[in-house]
Protein backbone atom coordinates (compact mmCIF):
# COMPACT_ATOMS: atom_id res chain seq x y z
CA MET A 1 -21.77 9.06 -11.79
CA LEU A 2 -21.30 7.53 -8.35
CA GLN A 3 -23.68 8.21 -5.51
CA ILE A 4 -21.58 8.31 -2.33
CA PRO A 5 -23.40 8.11 1.01
CA CYS A 6 -21.79 10.63 3.37
CA PRO A 7 -22.28 9.35 6.96
CA TRP A 8 -23.37 12.86 8.01
CA CYS A 9 -25.14 14.31 4.95
CA GLY A 10 -26.55 11.26 3.17
CA PRO A 11 -26.16 10.24 -0.50
CA ARG A 12 -24.66 12.85 -2.81
CA ASP A 13 -23.13 12.94 -6.31
CA GLU A 14 -19.44 12.06 -6.51
CA THR A 15 -18.62 15.59 -7.73
CA GLU A 16 -19.08 16.81 -4.12
CA PHE A 17 -16.27 14.53 -2.87
CA HIS A 18 -12.50 14.23 -2.99
CA CYS A 19 -10.83 10.80 -2.86
CA GLY A 20 -7.89 10.58 -0.48
CA GLY A 21 -6.62 7.13 -1.50
CA GLN A 22 -6.38 3.88 0.41
CA ALA A 23 -7.91 3.75 3.88
CA HIS A 24 -6.50 2.07 6.98
CA VAL A 25 -2.83 2.82 6.22
CA PRO A 26 -1.13 2.99 9.64
CA TYR A 27 1.27 5.82 10.37
CA PRO A 28 4.80 4.53 11.09
CA ALA A 29 5.39 3.74 14.77
CA ALA A 30 8.83 5.39 14.78
CA PRO A 31 8.83 7.88 11.88
CA GLY A 32 12.17 9.41 12.88
CA GLU A 33 13.88 6.06 12.31
CA LEU A 34 12.70 5.58 8.71
CA ASN A 35 15.18 5.97 5.87
CA ASP A 36 14.27 7.57 2.52
CA HIS A 37 13.31 4.25 0.93
CA GLU A 38 10.98 3.35 3.83
CA TRP A 39 9.35 6.82 3.71
CA GLY A 40 8.86 6.43 -0.03
CA GLU A 41 7.14 3.08 0.52
CA TYR A 42 4.86 4.59 3.18
CA VAL A 43 3.92 7.66 1.12
CA PHE A 44 3.62 6.24 -2.39
CA TYR A 45 3.00 2.48 -2.37
CA ARG A 46 -0.61 1.40 -1.96
CA ASP A 47 -2.67 -1.70 -2.67
CA ASN A 48 -4.47 -1.73 -6.01
CA PRO A 49 -6.82 -4.72 -5.79
CA LYS A 50 -9.33 -5.95 -8.31
CA GLY A 51 -12.48 -6.07 -6.21
CA THR A 52 -13.23 -4.52 -2.85
CA ARG A 53 -11.09 -1.56 -1.79
CA ALA A 54 -11.32 0.63 1.33
CA GLU A 55 -10.80 4.29 0.44
CA ARG A 56 -10.73 7.62 2.29
CA TRP A 57 -13.12 10.29 0.99
CA MET A 58 -13.81 13.87 2.03
CA HIS A 59 -17.16 15.57 1.46
CA SER A 60 -15.51 18.73 0.12
CA GLY A 61 -18.78 20.13 -1.26
CA GLY A 62 -20.67 19.61 1.98
CA CYS A 63 -19.68 18.93 5.60
CA ARG A 64 -15.92 18.74 4.76
CA ARG A 65 -15.46 15.61 6.90
CA TRP A 66 -13.31 12.59 6.10
CA PHE A 67 -14.83 9.11 6.09
CA ASN A 68 -14.16 5.67 4.59
CA VAL A 69 -15.89 3.94 1.69
CA LEU A 70 -15.81 0.30 0.61
CA ARG A 71 -16.00 0.29 -3.19
CA ASP A 72 -15.72 -2.42 -5.83
CA THR A 73 -12.99 -1.40 -8.29
CA VAL A 74 -14.53 -3.47 -11.09
CA SER A 75 -18.16 -2.33 -10.94
CA TYR A 76 -17.57 0.95 -9.02
CA GLN A 77 -20.40 -0.07 -6.69
CA VAL A 78 -20.21 1.63 -3.29
CA MET A 79 -20.90 -1.14 -0.76
CA ALA A 80 -20.56 0.80 2.50
CA ALA A 81 -19.58 4.17 3.94
CA TYR A 82 -18.47 4.60 7.54
CA ARG A 83 -16.84 7.17 9.79
CA THR A 84 -13.10 6.96 10.42
CA ASP A 85 -13.71 6.13 14.10
CA GLU A 86 -15.82 3.09 13.16
CA PRO A 87 -14.47 -0.38 12.26
CA ARG A 88 -14.49 -1.56 8.67
CA PRO A 89 -17.83 -3.32 8.06
CA ALA A 90 -17.90 -6.97 7.03
CA ILE A 91 -19.23 -7.41 3.50
CA HIS A 92 -19.66 -10.30 1.14
CA PRO A 93 -16.77 -10.63 -1.34
CA SER A 94 -17.28 -9.67 -4.96
CA ARG A 95 -17.60 -12.40 -7.58
CA GLU A 96 -13.95 -11.97 -8.63
CA GLU A 97 -12.68 -12.26 -5.05
CA ALA A 98 -14.78 -15.38 -4.46
CA GLY A 99 -13.32 -17.01 -7.57
CA ALA A 100 -16.69 -17.29 -9.32
CA PRO A 101 -16.64 -17.55 -13.11
CA ARG A 102 -17.81 -14.57 -15.11
């Protein structure tokens, strides 16, 4: 089970949280001008990297606030948690991202 560090409540079991998908997805600048295909791309298409991924999480079993988590999709290690009004922290790349042999 993952231990996710809520920026307000501290580390808690993953069962207290709800994942909201990829973080840092900008809302369209002119949403009224998007056609159906462009809306579909905005709503459904997300990055699915092997390695570090920024995700949105909500502490649904606690403070009910949204925040961002940097998580390794290979090892599931949570590398950082930060509020949505804070910049993404700089972290060292995972072994796969750095091109290191296994």
